[in-house]
Structures are given as C-alpha cells and as structure tokens.
PDB file of N, CA and C in Angstrom:
ATOM      1  N   MET A   1     -25.375   2.907   6.613  1.00  0.00           N
ATOM      2  CA  MET A   1     -24.188   2.104   6.359  1.00  0.00           C
ATOM      3  C   MET A   1     -23.610   2.408   4.986  1.00  0.00           C
ATOM      4  N   SER A   2     -24.413   2.956   4.110  1.00  0.00           N
ATOM      5  CA  SER A   2     -23.893   3.255   2.772  1.00  0.00           C
ATOM      6  C   SER A   2     -22.809   4.337   2.832  1.00  0.00           C
ATOM      7  N   THR A   3     -22.881   5.220   3.832  1.00  0.00           N
ATOM      8  CA  THR A   3     -21.834   6.239   3.987  1.00  0.00           C
ATOM      9  C   THR A   3     -20.488   5.571   4.251  1.00  0.00           C
ATOM     10  N   LEU A   4     -20.483   4.548   5.098  1.00  0.00           N
ATOM     11  CA  LEU A   4     -19.244   3.810   5.360  1.00  0.00           C
ATOM     12  C   LEU A   4     -18.751   3.092   4.115  1.00  0.00           C
ATOM     13  N   LEU A   5     -19.686   2.536   3.350  1.00  0.00           N
ATOM     14  CA  LEU A   5     -19.297   1.881   2.101  1.00  0.00           C
ATOM     15  C   LEU A   5     -18.579   2.872   1.191  1.00  0.00           C
ATOM     16  N   TYR A   6     -19.145   4.055   1.035  1.00  0.00           N
ATOM     17  CA  TYR A   6     -18.527   5.072   0.181  1.00  0.00           C
ATOM     18  C   TYR A   6     -17.176   5.509   0.737  1.00  0.00           C
ATOM     19  N   LEU A   7     -17.065   5.575   2.054  1.00  0.00           N
ATOM     20  CA  LEU A   7     -15.806   5.951   2.685  1.00  0.00           C
ATOM     21  C   LEU A   7     -14.710   4.936   2.373  1.00  0.00           C
ATOM     22  N   TYR A   8     -15.024   3.661   2.518  1.00  0.00           N
ATOM     23  CA  TYR A   8     -14.018   2.624   2.264  1.00  0.00           C
ATOM     24  C   TYR A   8     -13.720   2.487   0.775  1.00  0.00           C
ATOM     25  N   ILE A   9     -14.707   2.630  -0.066  1.00  0.00           N
ATOM     26  CA  ILE A   9     -14.445   2.605  -1.510  1.00  0.00           C
ATOM     27  C   ILE A   9     -13.586   3.808  -1.894  1.00  0.00           C
ATOM     28  N   GLY A  10     -13.908   4.971  -1.344  1.00  0.00           N
ATOM     29  CA  GLY A  10     -13.112   6.168  -1.617  1.00  0.00           C
ATOM     30  C   GLY A  10     -11.674   6.016  -1.136  1.00  0.00           C
ATOM     31  N   SER A  11     -11.500   5.434   0.043  1.00  0.00           N
ATOM     32  CA  SER A  11     -10.151   5.199   0.574  1.00  0.00           C
ATOM     33  C   SER A  11      -9.374   4.241  -0.319  1.00  0.00           C
ATOM     34  N   GLY A  12     -10.035   3.191  -0.759  1.00  0.00           N
ATOM     35  CA  GLY A  12      -9.389   2.229  -1.654  1.00  0.00           C
ATOM     36  C   GLY A  12      -9.006   2.852  -2.986  1.00  0.00           C
ATOM     37  N   LEU A  13      -9.901   3.686  -3.504  1.00  0.00           N
ATOM     38  CA  LEU A  13      -9.595   4.374  -4.766  1.00  0.00           C
ATOM     39  C   LEU A  13      -8.433   5.342  -4.600  1.00  0.00           C
ATOM     40  N   LEU A  14      -8.392   6.042  -3.469  1.00  0.00           N
ATOM     41  CA  LEU A  14      -7.298   6.977  -3.210  1.00  0.00           C
ATOM     42  C   LEU A  14      -5.964   6.235  -3.113  1.00  0.00           C
ATOM     43  N   LEU A  15      -5.930   5.129  -2.366  1.00  0.00           N
ATOM     44  CA  LEU A  15      -4.705   4.333  -2.285  1.00  0.00           C
ATOM     45  C   LEU A  15      -4.281   3.846  -3.663  1.00  0.00           C
ATOM     46  N   SER A  16      -5.235   3.379  -4.425  1.00  0.00           N
ATOM     47  CA  SER A  16      -4.922   2.882  -5.768  1.00  0.00           C
ATOM     48  C   SER A  16      -4.376   3.993  -6.657  1.00  0.00           C
ATOM     49  N   ALA A  17      -4.994   5.163  -6.586  1.00  0.00           N
ATOM     50  CA  ALA A  17      -4.527   6.290  -7.396  1.00  0.00           C
ATOM     51  C   ALA A  17      -3.135   6.742  -6.977  1.00  0.00           C
ATOM     52  N   LEU A  18      -2.861   6.740  -5.681  1.00  0.00           N
ATOM     53  CA  LEU A  18      -1.534   7.136  -5.202  1.00  0.00           C
ATOM     54  C   LEU A  18      -0.460   6.126  -5.588  1.00  0.00           C
ATOM     55  N   SER A  19      -0.852   4.891  -5.814  1.00  0.00           N
ATOM     56  CA  SER A  19       0.129   3.854  -6.148  1.00  0.00           C
ATOM     57  C   SER A  19       0.624   3.942  -7.585  1.00  0.00           C
ATOM     58  N   ILE A  20      -0.185   4.445  -8.489  1.00  0.00           N
ATOM     59  CA  ILE A  20       0.161   4.421  -9.915  1.00  0.00           C
ATOM     60  C   ILE A  20       1.455   5.174 -10.230  1.00  0.00           C
ATOM     61  N   PRO A  21       1.635   6.421  -9.775  1.00  0.00           N
ATOM     62  CA  PRO A  21       2.908   7.098 -10.067  1.00  0.00           C
ATOM     63  C   PRO A  21       4.116   6.384  -9.461  1.00  0.00           C
ATOM     64  N   LEU A  22       3.930   5.725  -8.322  1.00  0.00           N
ATOM     65  CA  LEU A  22       5.029   4.964  -7.721  1.00  0.00           C
ATOM     66  C   LEU A  22       5.388   3.763  -8.580  1.00  0.00           C
ATOM     67  N   ILE A  23       4.375   3.055  -9.041  1.00  0.00           N
ATOM     68  CA  ILE A  23       4.591   1.884  -9.887  1.00  0.00           C
ATOM     69  C   ILE A  23       5.305   2.279 -11.180  1.00  0.00           C
ATOM     70  N   LEU A  24       4.922   3.411 -11.731  1.00  0.00           N
ATOM     71  CA  LEU A  24       5.502   3.869 -12.997  1.00  0.00           C
ATOM     72  C   LEU A  24       6.861   4.548 -12.837  1.00  0.00           C
ATOM     73  N   GLY A  25       7.322   4.717 -11.607  1.00  0.00           N
ATOM     74  CA  GLY A  25       8.623   5.331 -11.367  1.00  0.00           C
ATOM     75  C   GLY A  25       8.660   6.819 -11.672  1.00  0.00           C
ATOM     76  N   LYS A  26       7.536   7.491 -11.494  1.00  0.00           N
ATOM     77  CA  LYS A  26       7.430   8.916 -11.825  1.00  0.00           C
ATOM     78  C   LYS A  26       7.770   9.836 -10.651  1.00  0.00           C
ATOM     79  N   ILE A  27       7.938   9.282  -9.462  1.00  0.00           N
ATOM     80  CA  ILE A  27       8.143  10.104  -8.273  1.00  0.00           C
ATOM     81  C   ILE A  27       9.615  10.030  -7.860  1.00  0.00           C
ATOM     82  N   PRO A  28      10.335  11.156  -7.944  1.00  0.00           N
ATOM     83  CA  PRO A  28      11.740  11.157  -7.508  1.00  0.00           C
ATOM     84  C   PRO A  28      11.826  11.159  -5.981  1.00  0.00           C
ATOM     85  N   PRO A  29      13.006  10.868  -5.437  1.00  0.00           N
ATOM     86  CA  PRO A  29      13.167  10.904  -3.981  1.00  0.00           C
ATOM     87  C   PRO A  29      12.731  12.264  -3.413  1.00  0.00           C
ATOM     88  N   ASN A  30      11.908  12.211  -2.375  1.00  0.00           N
ATOM     89  CA  ASN A  30      11.394  13.423  -1.751  1.00  0.00           C
ATOM     90  C   ASN A  30      10.979  13.096  -0.323  1.00  0.00           C
ATOM     91  N   GLY A  31      10.672  14.097   0.436  1.00  0.00           N
ATOM     92  CA  GLY A  31      10.319  13.905   1.831  1.00  0.00           C
ATOM     93  C   GLY A  31       8.842  13.755   2.109  1.00  0.00           C
ATOM     94  N   LEU A  32       8.000  13.740   1.072  1.00  0.00           N
ATOM     95  CA  LEU A  32       6.554  13.722   1.292  1.00  0.00           C
ATOM     96  C   LEU A  32       5.828  12.474   0.798  1.00  0.00           C
ATOM     97  N   TYR A  33       6.279  11.883  -0.282  1.00  0.00           N
ATOM     98  CA  TYR A  33       5.468  10.880  -0.973  1.00  0.00           C
ATOM     99  C   TYR A  33       6.339   9.753  -1.480  1.00  0.00           C
ATOM    100  N   GLY A  34       6.013   8.559  -1.085  1.00  0.00           N
ATOM    101  CA  GLY A  34       6.757   7.388  -1.512  1.00  0.00           C
ATOM    102  C   GLY A  34       7.168   6.560  -0.308  1.00  0.00           C
ATOM    103  N   PHE A  35       7.974   5.552  -0.562  1.00  0.00           N
ATOM    104  CA  PHE A  35       8.494   4.690   0.500  1.00  0.00           C
ATOM    105  C   PHE A  35       9.738   5.376   1.051  1.00  0.00           C
ATOM    106  N   ARG A  36       9.506   6.250   2.036  1.00  0.00           N
ATOM    107  CA  ARG A  36      10.526   7.175   2.509  1.00  0.00           C
ATOM    108  C   ARG A  36      11.215   6.639   3.759  1.00  0.00           C
ATOM    109  N   VAL A  37      12.316   5.978   3.576  1.00  0.00           N
ATOM    110  CA  VAL A  37      13.208   5.601   4.668  1.00  0.00           C
ATOM    111  C   VAL A  37      14.585   6.106   4.282  1.00  0.00           C
ATOM    112  N   SER A  38      15.487   6.185   5.232  1.00  0.00           N
ATOM    113  CA  SER A  38      16.783   6.802   4.950  1.00  0.00           C
ATOM    114  C   SER A  38      17.507   6.115   3.794  1.00  0.00           C
ATOM    115  N   GLN A  39      17.419   4.804   3.710  1.00  0.00           N
ATOM    116  CA  GLN A  39      18.112   4.087   2.637  1.00  0.00           C
ATOM    117  C   GLN A  39      17.605   4.486   1.254  1.00  0.00           C
ATOM    118  N   THR A  40      16.297   4.638   1.104  1.00  0.00           N
ATOM    119  CA  THR A  40      15.765   4.993  -0.219  1.00  0.00           C
ATOM    120  C   THR A  40      15.952   6.466  -0.516  1.00  0.00           C
ATOM    121  N   LEU A  41      15.823   7.315   0.497  1.00  0.00           N
ATOM    122  CA  LEU A  41      15.973   8.752   0.274  1.00  0.00           C
ATOM    123  C   LEU A  41      17.398   9.112  -0.112  1.00  0.00           C
ATOM    124  N   ASN A  42      18.368   8.359   0.382  1.00  0.00           N
ATOM    125  CA  ASN A  42      19.779   8.654   0.117  1.00  0.00           C
ATOM    126  C   ASN A  42      20.334   7.941  -1.101  1.00  0.00           C
ATOM    127  N   ASN A  43      19.534   7.089  -1.729  1.00  0.00           N
ATOM    128  CA  ASN A  43      20.060   6.305  -2.837  1.00  0.00           C
ATOM    129  C   ASN A  43      18.987   6.114  -3.916  1.00  0.00           C
ATOM    130  N   PRO A  44      19.059   6.884  -5.013  1.00  0.00           N
ATOM    131  CA  PRO A  44      18.066   6.738  -6.088  1.00  0.00           C
ATOM    132  C   PRO A  44      18.061   5.340  -6.713  1.00  0.00           C
ATOM    133  N   ASP A  45      19.203   4.631  -6.625  1.00  0.00           N
ATOM    134  CA  ASP A  45      19.229   3.263  -7.164  1.00  0.00           C
ATOM    135  C   ASP A  45      18.337   2.325  -6.358  1.00  0.00           C
ATOM    136  N   LEU A  46      18.080   2.666  -5.115  1.00  0.00           N
ATOM    137  CA  LEU A  46      17.140   1.904  -4.289  1.00  0.00           C
ATOM    138  C   LEU A  46      15.741   2.499  -4.342  1.00  0.00           C
ATOM    139  N   TRP A  47      15.659   3.834  -4.418  1.00  0.00           N
ATOM    140  CA  TRP A  47      14.368   4.528  -4.365  1.00  0.00           C
ATOM    141  C   TRP A  47      13.387   3.989  -5.401  1.00  0.00           C
ATOM    142  N   TYR A  48      13.794   3.947  -6.646  1.00  0.00           N
ATOM    143  CA  TYR A  48      12.849   3.600  -7.713  1.00  0.00           C
ATOM    144  C   TYR A  48      12.372   2.149  -7.655  1.00  0.00           C
ATOM    145  N   PRO A  49      13.263   1.157  -7.532  1.00  0.00           N
ATOM    146  CA  PRO A  49      12.725  -0.218  -7.466  1.00  0.00           C
ATOM    147  C   PRO A  49      11.910  -0.487  -6.204  1.00  0.00           C
ATOM    148  N   VAL A  50      12.310   0.075  -5.075  1.00  0.00           N
ATOM    149  CA  VAL A  50      11.562  -0.150  -3.832  1.00  0.00           C
ATOM    150  C   VAL A  50      10.201   0.527  -3.904  1.00  0.00           C
ATOM    151  N   ASN A  51      10.146   1.718  -4.476  1.00  0.00           N
ATOM    152  CA  ASN A  51       8.859   2.405  -4.602  1.00  0.00           C
ATOM    153  C   ASN A  51       7.950   1.725  -5.618  1.00  0.00           C
ATOM    154  N   THR A  52       8.514   1.158  -6.656  1.00  0.00           N
ATOM    155  CA  THR A  52       7.705   0.373  -7.595  1.00  0.00           C
ATOM    156  C   THR A  52       7.098  -0.825  -6.875  1.00  0.00           C
ATOM    157  N   TYR A  53       7.932  -1.526  -6.126  1.00  0.00           N
ATOM    158  CA  TYR A  53       7.475  -2.695  -5.376  1.00  0.00           C
ATOM    159  C   TYR A  53       6.394  -2.296  -4.357  1.00  0.00           C
ATOM    160  N   ALA A  54       6.673  -1.249  -3.580  1.00  0.00           N
ATOM    161  CA  ALA A  54       5.717  -0.788  -2.574  1.00  0.00           C
ATOM    162  C   ALA A  54       4.432  -0.267  -3.232  1.00  0.00           C
ATOM    163  N   GLY A  55       4.568   0.357  -4.403  1.00  0.00           N
ATOM    164  CA  GLY A  55       3.399   0.844  -5.127  1.00  0.00           C
ATOM    165  C   GLY A  55       2.451  -0.286  -5.500  1.00  0.00           C
ATOM    166  N   TRP A  56       3.013  -1.408  -5.932  1.00  0.00           N
ATOM    167  CA  TRP A  56       2.162  -2.566  -6.257  1.00  0.00           C
ATOM    168  C   TRP A  56       1.436  -3.060  -5.012  1.00  0.00           C
ATOM    169  N   ARG A  57       2.141  -3.067  -3.876  1.00  0.00           N
ATOM    170  CA  ARG A  57       1.494  -3.495  -2.627  1.00  0.00           C
ATOM    171  C   ARG A  57       0.393  -2.516  -2.228  1.00  0.00           C
ATOM    172  N   LEU A  58       0.628  -1.235  -2.460  1.00  0.00           N
ATOM    173  CA  LEU A  58      -0.373  -0.223  -2.161  1.00  0.00           C
ATOM    174  C   LEU A  58      -1.599  -0.385  -3.064  1.00  0.00           C
ATOM    175  N   LEU A  59      -1.371  -0.704  -4.319  1.00  0.00           N
ATOM    176  CA  LEU A  59      -2.479  -0.939  -5.252  1.00  0.00           C
ATOM    177  C   LEU A  59      -3.309  -2.133  -4.798  1.00  0.00           C
ATOM    178  N   VAL A  60      -2.650  -3.203  -4.410  1.00  0.00           N
ATOM    179  CA  VAL A  60      -3.363  -4.393  -3.925  1.00  0.00           C
ATOM    180  C   VAL A  60      -4.166  -4.058  -2.667  1.00  0.00           C
ATOM    181  N   ALA A  61      -3.577  -3.279  -1.765  1.00  0.00           N
ATOM    182  CA  ALA A  61      -4.294  -2.886  -0.543  1.00  0.00           C
ATOM    183  C   ALA A  61      -5.519  -2.042  -0.883  1.00  0.00           C
ATOM    184  N   GLY A  62      -5.390  -1.131  -1.825  1.00  0.00           N
ATOM    185  CA  GLY A  62      -6.519  -0.287  -2.223  1.00  0.00           C
ATOM    186  C   GLY A  62      -7.639  -1.100  -2.858  1.00  0.00           C
ATOM    187  N   LEU A  63      -7.271  -1.956  -3.799  1.00  0.00           N
ATOM    188  CA  LEU A  63      -8.287  -2.778  -4.468  1.00  0.00           C
ATOM    189  C   LEU A  63      -8.893  -3.799  -3.512  1.00  0.00           C
ATOM    190  N   GLY A  64      -8.073  -4.340  -2.615  1.00  0.00           N
ATOM    191  CA  GLY A  64      -8.577  -5.285  -1.619  1.00  0.00           C
ATOM    192  C   GLY A  64      -9.560  -4.636  -0.665  1.00  0.00           C
ATOM    193  N   THR A  65      -9.298  -3.397  -0.310  1.00  0.00           N
ATOM    194  CA  THR A  65     -10.210  -2.656   0.564  1.00  0.00           C
ATOM    195  C   THR A  65     -11.552  -2.441  -0.119  1.00  0.00           C
ATOM    196  N   ILE A  66     -11.509  -2.083  -1.385  1.00  0.00           N
ATOM    197  CA  ILE A  66     -12.751  -1.886  -2.146  1.00  0.00           C
ATOM    198  C   ILE A  66     -13.528  -3.197  -2.231  1.00  0.00           C
ATOM    199  N   LEU A  67     -12.838  -4.265  -2.583  1.00  0.00           N
ATOM    200  CA  LEU A  67     -13.490  -5.565  -2.724  1.00  0.00           C
ATOM    201  C   LEU A  67     -14.088  -6.029  -1.393  1.00  0.00           C
ATOM    202  N   ALA A  68     -13.333  -5.890  -0.318  1.00  0.00           N
ATOM    203  CA  ALA A  68     -13.833  -6.304   1.000  1.00  0.00           C
ATOM    204  C   ALA A  68     -15.065  -5.492   1.385  1.00  0.00           C
ATOM    205  N   ALA A  69     -15.028  -4.186   1.146  1.00  0.00           N
ATOM    206  CA  ALA A  69     -16.175  -3.337   1.501  1.00  0.00           C
ATOM    207  C   ALA A  69     -17.416  -3.755   0.722  1.00  0.00           C
ATOM    208  N   LEU A  70     -17.237  -4.039  -0.565  1.00  0.00           N
ATOM    209  CA  LEU A  70     -18.390  -4.450  -1.378  1.00  0.00           C
ATOM    210  C   LEU A  70     -18.945  -5.796  -0.940  1.00  0.00           C
ATOM    211  N   ILE A  71     -18.070  -6.736  -0.670  1.00  0.00           N
ATOM    212  CA  ILE A  71     -18.521  -8.066  -0.239  1.00  0.00           C
ATOM    213  C   ILE A  71     -19.213  -7.981   1.120  1.00  0.00           C
ATOM    214  N   LEU A  72     -18.575  -7.281   2.051  1.00  0.00           N
ATOM    215  CA  LEU A  72     -19.143  -7.181   3.396  1.00  0.00           C
ATOM    216  C   LEU A  72     -20.467  -6.429   3.414  1.00  0.00           C
ATOM    217  N   TYR A  73     -20.602  -5.451   2.550  1.00  0.00           N
ATOM    218  CA  TYR A  73     -21.828  -4.641   2.505  1.00  0.00           C
ATOM    219  C   TYR A  73     -23.056  -5.505   2.186  1.00  0.00           C
ATOM    220  N   PHE A  74     -22.851  -6.522   1.374  1.00  0.00           N
ATOM    221  CA  PHE A  74     -23.985  -7.345   0.939  1.00  0.00           C
ATOM    222  C   PHE A  74     -24.188  -8.600   1.786  1.00  0.00           C
ATOM    223  N   ILE A  75     -23.490  -8.702   2.906  1.00  0.00           N
ATOM    224  CA  ILE A  75     -23.745  -9.815   3.822  1.00  0.00           C
ATOM    225  C   ILE A  75     -25.043  -9.502   4.579  1.00  0.00           C
ATOM    226  N   PRO A  76     -26.015 -10.381   4.477  1.00  0.00           N
ATOM    227  CA  PRO A  76     -27.307 -10.116   5.135  1.00  0.00           C
ATOM    228  C   PRO A  76     -27.148 -10.024   6.660  1.00  0.00           C
ATOM    229  N   GLY A  77     -27.744  -9.007   7.237  1.00  0.00           N
ATOM    230  CA  GLY A  77     -27.779  -8.863   8.686  1.00  0.00           C
ATOM    231  C   GLY A  77     -26.505  -8.325   9.328  1.00  0.00           C
ATOM    232  N   ILE A  78     -25.509  -7.946   8.556  1.00  0.00           N
ATOM    233  CA  ILE A  78     -24.283  -7.418   9.164  1.00  0.00           C
ATOM    234  C   ILE A  78     -24.593  -6.054   9.777  1.00  0.00           C
ATOM    235  N   THR A  79     -24.100  -5.860  10.983  1.00  0.00           N
ATOM    236  CA  THR A  79     -24.338  -4.574  11.641  1.00  0.00           C
ATOM    237  C   THR A  79     -23.357  -3.527  11.118  1.00  0.00           C
ATOM    238  N   GLN A  80     -23.705  -2.296  11.346  1.00  0.00           N
ATOM    239  CA  GLN A  80     -22.837  -1.202  10.901  1.00  0.00           C
ATOM    240  C   GLN A  80     -21.481  -1.282  11.610  1.00  0.00           C
ATOM    241  N   ASP A  81     -21.490  -1.602  12.880  1.00  0.00           N
ATOM    242  CA  ASP A  81     -20.240  -1.713  13.632  1.00  0.00           C
ATOM    243  C   ASP A  81     -19.379  -2.857  13.105  1.00  0.00           C
ATOM    244  N   ALA A  82     -19.999  -4.005  12.843  1.00  0.00           N
ATOM    245  CA  ALA A  82     -19.257  -5.153  12.320  1.00  0.00           C
ATOM    246  C   ALA A  82     -18.694  -4.835  10.939  1.00  0.00           C
ATOM    247  N   PHE A  83     -19.470  -4.159  10.126  1.00  0.00           N
ATOM    248  CA  PHE A  83     -19.014  -3.774   8.789  1.00  0.00           C
ATOM    249  C   PHE A  83     -17.801  -2.852   8.887  1.00  0.00           C
ATOM    250  N   ALA A  84     -17.909  -1.817   9.710  1.00  0.00           N
ATOM    251  CA  ALA A  84     -16.823  -0.847   9.852  1.00  0.00           C
ATOM    252  C   ALA A  84     -15.560  -1.510  10.390  1.00  0.00           C
ATOM    253  N   LEU A  85     -15.716  -2.355  11.398  1.00  0.00           N
ATOM    254  CA  LEU A  85     -14.564  -3.024  11.995  1.00  0.00           C
ATOM    255  C   LEU A  85     -13.906  -3.996  11.016  1.00  0.00           C
ATOM    256  N   ALA A  86     -14.704  -4.760  10.306  1.00  0.00           N
ATOM    257  CA  ALA A  86     -14.163  -5.722   9.346  1.00  0.00           C
ATOM    258  C   ALA A  86     -13.423  -5.006   8.214  1.00  0.00           C
ATOM    259  N   CYS A  87     -14.004  -3.947   7.702  1.00  0.00           N
ATOM    260  CA  CYS A  87     -13.339  -3.179   6.634  1.00  0.00           C
ATOM    261  C   CYS A  87     -12.031  -2.581   7.123  1.00  0.00           C
ATOM    262  N   MET A  88     -12.058  -2.045   8.332  1.00  0.00           N
ATOM    263  CA  MET A  88     -10.849  -1.450   8.891  1.00  0.00           C
ATOM    264  C   MET A  88      -9.769  -2.508   9.096  1.00  0.00           C
ATOM    265  N   CYS A  89     -10.155  -3.687   9.550  1.00  0.00           N
ATOM    266  CA  CYS A  89      -9.186  -4.770   9.752  1.00  0.00           C
ATOM    267  C   CYS A  89      -8.557  -5.186   8.423  1.00  0.00           C
ATOM    268  N   VAL A  90      -9.364  -5.328   7.390  1.00  0.00           N
ATOM    269  CA  VAL A  90      -8.839  -5.686   6.068  1.00  0.00           C
ATOM    270  C   VAL A  90      -7.873  -4.610   5.589  1.00  0.00           C
ATOM    271  N   PHE A  91      -8.275  -3.351   5.724  1.00  0.00           N
ATOM    272  CA  PHE A  91      -7.461  -2.219   5.301  1.00  0.00           C
ATOM    273  C   PHE A  91      -6.088  -2.241   5.974  1.00  0.00           C
ATOM    274  N   PHE A  92      -6.073  -2.316   7.310  1.00  0.00           N
ATOM    275  CA  PHE A  92      -4.801  -2.282   8.033  1.00  0.00           C
ATOM    276  C   PHE A  92      -3.993  -3.557   7.853  1.00  0.00           C
ATOM    277  N   LEU A  93      -4.655  -4.690   7.739  1.00  0.00           N
ATOM    278  CA  LEU A  93      -3.945  -5.942   7.502  1.00  0.00           C
ATOM    279  C   LEU A  93      -3.218  -5.905   6.160  1.00  0.00           C
ATOM    280  N   MET A  94      -3.908  -5.458   5.125  1.00  0.00           N
ATOM    281  CA  MET A  94      -3.287  -5.409   3.799  1.00  0.00           C
ATOM    282  C   MET A  94      -2.162  -4.373   3.748  1.00  0.00           C
ATOM    283  N   LEU A  95      -2.360  -3.238   4.389  1.00  0.00           N
ATOM    284  CA  LEU A  95      -1.289  -2.231   4.447  1.00  0.00           C
ATOM    285  C   LEU A  95      -0.090  -2.760   5.227  1.00  0.00           C
ATOM    286  N   GLY A  96      -0.348  -3.422   6.335  1.00  0.00           N
ATOM    287  CA  GLY A  96       0.735  -3.966   7.154  1.00  0.00           C
ATOM    288  C   GLY A  96       1.534  -5.035   6.435  1.00  0.00           C
ATOM    289  N   ILE A  97       0.832  -5.928   5.753  1.00  0.00           N
ATOM    290  CA  ILE A  97       1.518  -6.968   4.989  1.00  0.00           C
ATOM    291  C   ILE A  97       2.351  -6.331   3.873  1.00  0.00           C
ATOM    292  N   GLY A  98       1.776  -5.361   3.179  1.00  0.00           N
ATOM    293  CA  GLY A  98       2.502  -4.670   2.114  1.00  0.00           C
ATOM    294  C   GLY A  98       3.728  -3.948   2.637  1.00  0.00           C
ATOM    295  N   LEU A  99       3.614  -3.322   3.792  1.00  0.00           N
ATOM    296  CA  LEU A  99       4.749  -2.631   4.395  1.00  0.00           C
ATOM    297  C   LEU A  99       5.847  -3.626   4.754  1.00  0.00           C
ATOM    298  N   GLY A 100       5.460  -4.725   5.374  1.00  0.00           N
ATOM    299  CA  GLY A 100       6.440  -5.757   5.726  1.00  0.00           C
ATOM    300  C   GLY A 100       7.145  -6.319   4.498  1.00  0.00           C
ATOM    301  N   GLN A 101       6.389  -6.619   3.466  1.00  0.00           N
ATOM    302  CA  GLN A 101       6.984  -7.140   2.234  1.00  0.00           C
ATOM    303  C   GLN A 101       7.925  -6.117   1.601  1.00  0.00           C
ATOM    304  N   SER A 102       7.537  -4.849   1.640  1.00  0.00           N
ATOM    305  CA  SER A 102       8.373  -3.793   1.060  1.00  0.00           C
ATOM    306  C   SER A 102       9.666  -3.627   1.836  1.00  0.00           C
ATOM    307  N   LEU A 103       9.594  -3.725   3.155  1.00  0.00           N
ATOM    308  CA  LEU A 103      10.816  -3.631   3.970  1.00  0.00           C
ATOM    309  C   LEU A 103      11.756  -4.802   3.696  1.00  0.00           C
ATOM    310  N   LEU A 104      11.192  -5.994   3.551  1.00  0.00           N
ATOM    311  CA  LEU A 104      12.018  -7.164   3.212  1.00  0.00           C
ATOM    312  C   LEU A 104      12.647  -7.012   1.828  1.00  0.00           C
ATOM    313  N   PHE A 105      11.884  -6.486   0.884  1.00  0.00           N
ATOM    314  CA  PHE A 105      12.405  -6.255  -0.458  1.00  0.00           C
ATOM    315  C   PHE A 105      13.556  -5.253  -0.406  1.00  0.00           C
ATOM    316  N   LEU A 106      13.388  -4.182   0.350  1.00  0.00           N
ATOM    317  CA  LEU A 106      14.442  -3.181   0.515  1.00  0.00           C
ATOM    318  C   LEU A 106      15.693  -3.821   1.104  1.00  0.00           C
ATOM    319  N   LYS A 107      15.510  -4.639   2.108  1.00  0.00           N
ATOM    320  CA  LYS A 107      16.649  -5.301   2.754  1.00  0.00           C
ATOM    321  C   LYS A 107      17.406  -6.186   1.759  1.00  0.00           C
ATOM    322  N   ARG A 108      16.670  -6.979   0.983  1.00  0.00           N
ATOM    323  CA  ARG A 108      17.317  -7.841  -0.025  1.00  0.00           C
ATOM    324  C   ARG A 108      18.032  -7.026  -1.082  1.00  0.00           C
ATOM    325  N   LEU A 109      17.384  -5.971  -1.551  1.00  0.00           N
ATOM    326  CA  LEU A 109      17.964  -5.135  -2.597  1.00  0.00           C
ATOM    327  C   LEU A 109      19.202  -4.398  -2.090  1.00  0.00           C
ATOM    328  N   ALA A 110      19.147  -3.891  -0.880  1.00  0.00           N
ATOM    329  CA  ALA A 110      20.292  -3.190  -0.304  1.00  0.00           C
ATOM    330  C   ALA A 110      21.460  -4.141  -0.105  1.00  0.00           C
ATOM    331  N   LYS A 111      21.169  -5.361   0.300  1.00  0.00           N
ATOM    332  CA  LYS A 111      22.225  -6.365   0.476  1.00  0.00           C
ATOM    333  C   LYS A 111      22.866  -6.701  -0.861  1.00  0.00           C
ATOM    334  N   LYS A 112      22.028  -6.831  -1.895  1.00  0.00           N
ATOM    335  CA  LYS A 112      22.538  -7.129  -3.227  1.00  0.00           C
ATOM    336  C   LYS A 112      23.445  -5.994  -3.717  1.00  0.00           C
ATOM    337  N   GLU A 113      23.026  -4.762  -3.472  1.00  0.00           N
ATOM    338  CA  GLU A 113      23.796  -3.609  -3.902  1.00  0.00           C
ATOM    339  C   GLU A 113      25.122  -3.501  -3.143  1.00  0.00           C
ATOM    340  N   THR A 114      25.105  -3.868  -1.870  1.00  0.00           N
ATOM    341  CA  THR A 114      26.327  -3.855  -1.064  1.00  0.00           C
ATOM    342  C   THR A 114      27.302  -4.904  -1.582  1.00  0.00           C
ATOM    343  N   ASN A 115      26.769  -6.054  -1.966  1.00  0.00           N
ATOM    344  CA  ASN A 115      27.637  -7.122  -2.491  1.00  0.00           C
ATOM    345  C   ASN A 115      28.253  -6.730  -3.830  1.00  0.00           C
ATOM    346  N   LYS A 116      27.549  -5.938  -4.636  1.00  0.00           N
ATOM    347  CA  LYS A 116      28.086  -5.482  -5.921  1.00  0.00           C
ATOM    348  C   LYS A 116      29.277  -4.557  -5.712  1.00  0.00           C
ATOM    349  N   GLU A 117      29.203  -3.734  -4.659  1.00  0.00           N
ATOM    350  CA  GLU A 117      30.248  -2.739  -4.412  1.00  0.00           C
ATOM    351  C   GLU A 117      31.521  -3.381  -3.888  1.00  0.00           C
ATOM    352  N   GLU A 118      31.431  -4.561  -3.310  1.00  0.00           N
ATOM    353  CA  GLU A 118      32.620  -5.213  -2.732  1.00  0.00           C
ATOM    354  C   GLU A 118      33.482  -5.853  -3.763  1.00  0.00           C
TER     355      GLU A 118
END
C-alpha cells in the first residue's frame, strides 16, 4: 500500500508544482498548459486572472490529495482497495469542484468585461 501512498503524494506534488506558475501569472496563452478554453485563449485580459484563480484551485486540489492520502494511510485496517478508491474520490472531487469554481469565475469575469465595453 505504500506504493499507492507515494503515487498519490507524487500526484499531489505534481499538481501543486504545476499550479505555481499559473498563480504567479508566468504562463502566457498557449494550447498546452493552463485553463484553456476559447474565451481565455482569445483574450489575455481574461487568461491571466482566470489562470491565477484556477491555479489556486489546482494547488488546493494537490495539497488536499496529499493530506487525504496521508490521513487515509494511517487509518487502522483500511484495505488497499478502500485506500485507493478513497484517494481517487478525493482527487477527482477536488479537481471537479475547482473546475466548476473556475468556470463560474470565468463567466463572472467575462460578463464584467462585456459590461465595461458597452
């Protein structure tokens, strides 16, 4: 089971590391990395704030995955299957919530920008 622990900790660390350049606004619009939807790719005024916001959500998902894996690992009697499933559920739940929040943030920001242009 320790292999799974290392896998989930590694995944959490990778997500956290990928979030830092987004949070710092170091990644310009591109087709490979970032919160890539047509609205952000076509508008740098949306790209940077949305990617900063999404980066924070990605950091929380990464750290939450690490924390969940560590807590679950030390539950007495937990089976390997239960551990793997619980970690995976936490991982996808946190990513899904972060994605939803980021999409809502994009929608609000795009609406605000549209109102400025009128």
